[in-house]
Amino acid sequence: MSGDGSDIEHLATGTLERVRDGWTMEQRILGQSGVTVSVVGLGTWPMGGEWWGGTDDAESIRTIHRALNLGVTLFDTAEAYAT
């Protein structure tokens, strides 16, 4: 939120939407936590090591900044998932 009035938030049927500069990123409550996150998330695990053949730190930073600019607030940093 910029705090300059260019952002508008409103609650409608349990979904929080952020409207800014002509785009909308839908927000939802995460489970029963009460935490509001974007419906689109960014998986960041491959950014942190050599497992997938190495990463470019500058590209990773650009990707995170782009996600933030688009309204992404959910970042998945899990190393692995149990089956």
Protein backbone atom coordinates (compact mmCIF):
# COMPACT_ATOMS: atom_id res chain seq x y z
CA MET A 1 0.00 0.00 0.00
CA SER A 2 1.38 3.34 -1.00
CA GLY A 3 -0.60 5.36 1.53
CA ASP A 4 -1.11 8.14 -1.02
CA GLY A 5 -4.70 7.26 -1.84
CA SER A 6 -3.87 5.50 -5.11
CA ASP A 7 -4.71 2.14 -3.55
CA ILE A 8 -8.26 1.13 -2.73
CA GLU A 9 -9.15 -1.93 -0.69
CA HIS A 10 -12.61 -3.29 -0.14
CA LEU A 11 -14.04 -6.45 1.32
CA ALA A 12 -16.61 -8.21 -0.87
CA THR A 13 -18.01 -11.66 -0.11
CA GLY A 14 -14.89 -12.69 1.83
CA THR A 15 -12.44 -11.68 -0.92
CA LEU A 16 -10.18 -8.67 -0.58
CA GLU A 17 -9.27 -7.02 -3.87
CA ARG A 18 -6.57 -4.41 -4.38
CA VAL A 19 -7.12 -1.92 -7.18
CA ARG A 20 -4.17 0.20 -8.25
CA ASP A 21 -3.10 1.75 -11.53
CA GLY A 22 -5.79 -0.11 -13.45
CA TRP A 23 -4.99 -3.69 -12.35
CA THR A 24 -6.57 -5.93 -9.78
CA MET A 25 -4.90 -8.65 -7.70
CA GLU A 26 -7.46 -10.76 -5.90
CA GLN A 27 -6.73 -11.46 -2.25
CA ARG A 28 -8.08 -14.22 -0.02
CA ILE A 29 -7.89 -15.24 3.61
CA LEU A 30 -5.35 -18.08 4.05
CA GLY A 31 -7.19 -20.93 5.75
CA GLN A 32 -8.28 -20.00 9.24
CA SER A 33 -5.15 -17.96 9.96
CA GLY A 34 -6.76 -14.59 9.25
CA VAL A 35 -3.78 -13.72 7.02
CA THR A 36 -4.70 -12.17 3.67
CA VAL A 37 -2.61 -13.26 0.66
CA SER A 38 -2.77 -12.92 -3.10
CA VAL A 39 -4.47 -15.73 -5.04
CA VAL A 40 -1.32 -15.94 -7.18
CA GLY A 41 1.83 -17.05 -5.38
CA LEU A 42 5.48 -17.25 -6.37
CA GLY A 43 7.43 -20.44 -5.73
CA THR A 44 10.95 -19.39 -4.77
CA TRP A 45 12.66 -22.64 -3.83
CA PRO A 46 14.68 -22.92 -7.08
CA MET A 47 16.05 -19.42 -6.43
CA GLY A 48 18.02 -20.54 -3.41
CA GLY A 49 20.54 -23.04 -4.65
CA GLU A 50 22.11 -25.31 -7.20
CA TRP A 51 19.49 -28.07 -7.20
CA TRP A 52 17.96 -26.91 -10.51
CA GLY A 53 21.27 -26.15 -12.19
CA GLY A 54 22.13 -22.87 -10.52
CA THR A 55 20.40 -19.54 -10.42
CA ASP A 56 21.12 -15.97 -11.37
CA ASP A 57 20.74 -13.81 -8.27
CA ALA A 58 19.98 -10.66 -10.28
CA GLU A 59 17.23 -12.46 -12.23
CA SER A 60 15.78 -13.84 -8.99
CA ILE A 61 15.67 -10.35 -7.47
CA ARG A 62 14.02 -8.95 -10.62
CA THR A 63 11.44 -11.75 -10.48
CA ILE A 64 10.59 -11.01 -6.84
CA HIS A 65 10.33 -7.27 -7.51
CA ARG A 66 8.04 -7.91 -10.50
CA ALA A 67 5.83 -10.19 -8.41
CA LEU A 68 5.57 -7.54 -5.70
CA ASN A 69 4.74 -4.87 -8.29
CA LEU A 70 1.94 -7.09 -9.60
CA GLY A 71 0.49 -7.47 -6.11
CA VAL A 72 1.80 -10.92 -5.20
CA THR A 73 1.99 -11.33 -1.43
CA LEU A 74 2.27 -15.13 -1.21
CA PHE A 75 5.84 -16.44 -1.51
CA ASP A 76 6.35 -20.19 -1.19
CA THR A 77 9.85 -21.00 0.09
CA ALA A 78 9.37 -24.71 0.89
CA GLU A 79 12.33 -26.92 -0.02
CA ALA A 80 10.17 -29.97 -0.55
CA TYR A 81 6.70 -31.39 0.08
CA ALA A 82 5.81 -34.61 1.87
CA THR A 83 3.62 -37.13 0.12
